[in-house]
C-alpha atoms as a PDB file:
ATOM      1  CA  MET A   1       4.290   8.335   3.684  1.00  0.00           C
ATOM      2  CA  TYR A   2       3.040   6.152   6.524  1.00  0.00           C
ATOM      3  CA  VAL A   3      -0.126   4.243   5.789  1.00  0.00           C
ATOM      4  CA  CYS A   4      -0.295   2.213   9.027  1.00  0.00           C
ATOM      5  CA  LEU A   5       1.015   4.027  12.078  1.00  0.00           C
ATOM      6  CA  CYS A   6       0.396   1.091  14.423  1.00  0.00           C
ATOM      7  CA  LYS A   7       2.755  -1.171  12.480  1.00  0.00           C
ATOM      8  CA  GLY A   8       4.925   1.531  10.863  1.00  0.00           C
ATOM      9  CA  VAL A   9       4.066   0.502   7.291  1.00  0.00           C
ATOM     10  CA  THR A  10       4.735   2.952   4.474  1.00  0.00           C
ATOM     11  CA  CYS A  11       3.269   3.077   0.993  1.00  0.00           C
ATOM     12  CA  SER A  12       6.714   2.092  -0.305  1.00  0.00           C
ATOM     13  CA  ALA A  13       6.577  -1.075   1.787  1.00  0.00           C
ATOM     14  CA  ILE A  14       3.171  -1.888   0.319  1.00  0.00           C
ATOM     15  CA  ARG A  15       4.457  -1.346  -3.236  1.00  0.00           C
ATOM     16  CA  SER A  16       7.452  -3.565  -2.461  1.00  0.00           C
ATOM     17  CA  ALA A  17       5.188  -6.295  -1.090  1.00  0.00           C
ATOM     18  CA  VAL A  18       3.154  -6.193  -4.301  1.00  0.00           C
ATOM     19  CA  ASN A  19       6.177  -6.183  -6.604  1.00  0.00           C
ATOM     20  CA  GLU A  20       8.487  -8.538  -4.720  1.00  0.00           C
ATOM     21  CA  GLN A  21       6.146 -10.883  -2.839  1.00  0.00           C
ATOM     22  CA  GLY A  22       3.158 -10.923  -5.191  1.00  0.00           C
ATOM     23  CA  VAL A  23       0.731  -9.555  -2.606  1.00  0.00           C
ATOM     24  CA  ALA A  24      -2.621  -8.961  -4.313  1.00  0.00           C
ATOM     25  CA  SER A  25      -5.189  -8.488  -1.528  1.00  0.00           C
ATOM     26  CA  LEU A  26      -5.631  -6.655   1.752  1.00  0.00           C
ATOM     27  CA  ARG A  27      -5.746 -10.014   3.527  1.00  0.00           C
ATOM     28  CA  GLU A  28      -2.298 -10.933   2.144  1.00  0.00           C
ATOM     29  CA  LEU A  29      -1.038  -7.454   2.974  1.00  0.00           C
ATOM     30  CA  SER A  30      -2.265  -7.876   6.549  1.00  0.00           C
ATOM     31  CA  ARG A  31      -0.588 -11.266   6.816  1.00  0.00           C
ATOM     32  CA  ASN A  32       2.729 -10.067   5.385  1.00  0.00           C
ATOM     33  CA  LEU A  33       3.027  -6.563   6.858  1.00  0.00           C
ATOM     34  CA  GLY A  34       0.487  -6.446   9.678  1.00  0.00           C
ATOM     35  CA  VAL A  35      -1.538  -3.679   8.027  1.00  0.00           C
ATOM     36  CA  ALA A  36      -5.046  -3.179   9.497  1.00  0.00           C
ATOM     37  CA  THR A  37      -4.483  -5.701  12.284  1.00  0.00           C
ATOM     38  CA  GLN A  38      -4.508  -3.239  15.203  1.00  0.00           C
ATOM     39  CA  CYS A  39      -6.931  -0.306  15.149  1.00  0.00           C
ATOM     40  CA  GLY A  40      -8.016  -0.805  11.520  1.00  0.00           C
ATOM     41  CA  LYS A  41      -8.050   2.906  10.643  1.00  0.00           C
ATOM     42  CA  CYS A  42      -5.555   2.340   7.835  1.00  0.00           C
ATOM     43  CA  ALA A  43      -7.574  -0.317   5.987  1.00  0.00           C
ATOM     44  CA  HIS A  44      -9.089   2.096   3.458  1.00  0.00           C
ATOM     45  CA  SER A  45      -5.778   3.837   2.709  1.00  0.00           C
ATOM     46  CA  ALA A  46      -3.905   0.536   2.551  1.00  0.00           C
ATOM     47  CA  ARG A  47      -6.456  -0.860   0.105  1.00  0.00           C
ATOM     48  CA  GLN A  48      -6.137   2.267  -2.060  1.00  0.00           C
ATOM     49  CA  VAL A  49      -2.333   2.057  -2.122  1.00  0.00           C
ATOM     50  CA  LEU A  50      -2.578  -1.664  -2.885  1.00  0.00           C
ATOM     51  CA  HIS A  51      -4.878  -1.030  -5.857  1.00  0.00           C
ATOM     52  CA  GLU A  52      -2.582   1.708  -7.143  1.00  0.00           C
ATOM     53  CA  ALA A  53       0.387  -0.637  -6.860  1.00  0.00           C
ATOM     54  CA  LEU A  54      -1.531  -3.312  -8.732  1.00  0.00           C
ATOM     55  CA  GLY A  55      -2.276  -0.800 -11.484  1.00  0.00           C
ATOM     56  CA  ALA A  56      -6.013  -0.651 -10.797  1.00  0.00           C
ATOM     57  CA  CYS A  57      -5.902   3.134 -10.367  1.00  0.00           C
ATOM     58  CA  SER A  58      -4.718   5.228 -13.260  1.00  0.00           C
ATOM     59  CA  ALA A  59      -4.911   8.594 -11.502  1.00  0.00           C
ATOM     60  CA  GLY A  60      -2.437   9.698  -8.884  1.00  0.00           C
ATOM     61  CA  GLY A  61      -0.175   7.098  -7.395  1.00  0.00           C
ATOM     62  CA  CYS A  62       1.119   6.211  -4.003  1.00  0.00           C
ATOM     63  CA  CYS A  63       3.023   9.074  -2.405  1.00  0.00           C
ATOM     64  CA  GLY A  64       3.196  10.789  -5.783  1.00  0.00           C
ATOM     65  CA  ALA A  65       5.087   7.866  -7.334  1.00  0.00           C
ATOM     66  CA  SER A  66       3.590   8.470 -10.765  1.00  0.00           C
ATOM     67  CA  ALA A  67       4.352  12.203 -10.508  1.00  0.00           C
ATOM     68  CA  ASP A  68       7.966  11.377  -9.644  1.00  0.00           C
ATOM     69  CA  ALA A  69       8.216   8.992 -12.578  1.00  0.00           C
ATOM     70  CA  ALA A  70       6.828  11.574 -14.982  1.00  0.00           C
ATOM     71  CA  ALA A  71       9.286  14.244 -13.838  1.00  0.00           C
END
């Protein structure tokens, strides 16, 4: 699912940035992927996906990732 339409960033790209590049904040995410640097409407969603990828959220998961893993 697209999180940032302006830059074409998906939740998978955010998870990859966390896992492969060690991104741990919205500021780093913005620097690396350009998230929330245009209109800013994606900042809340991007932050939520980031926290899920970091393991801060136990419920849900980005794009149903935890549901896919459980199946």
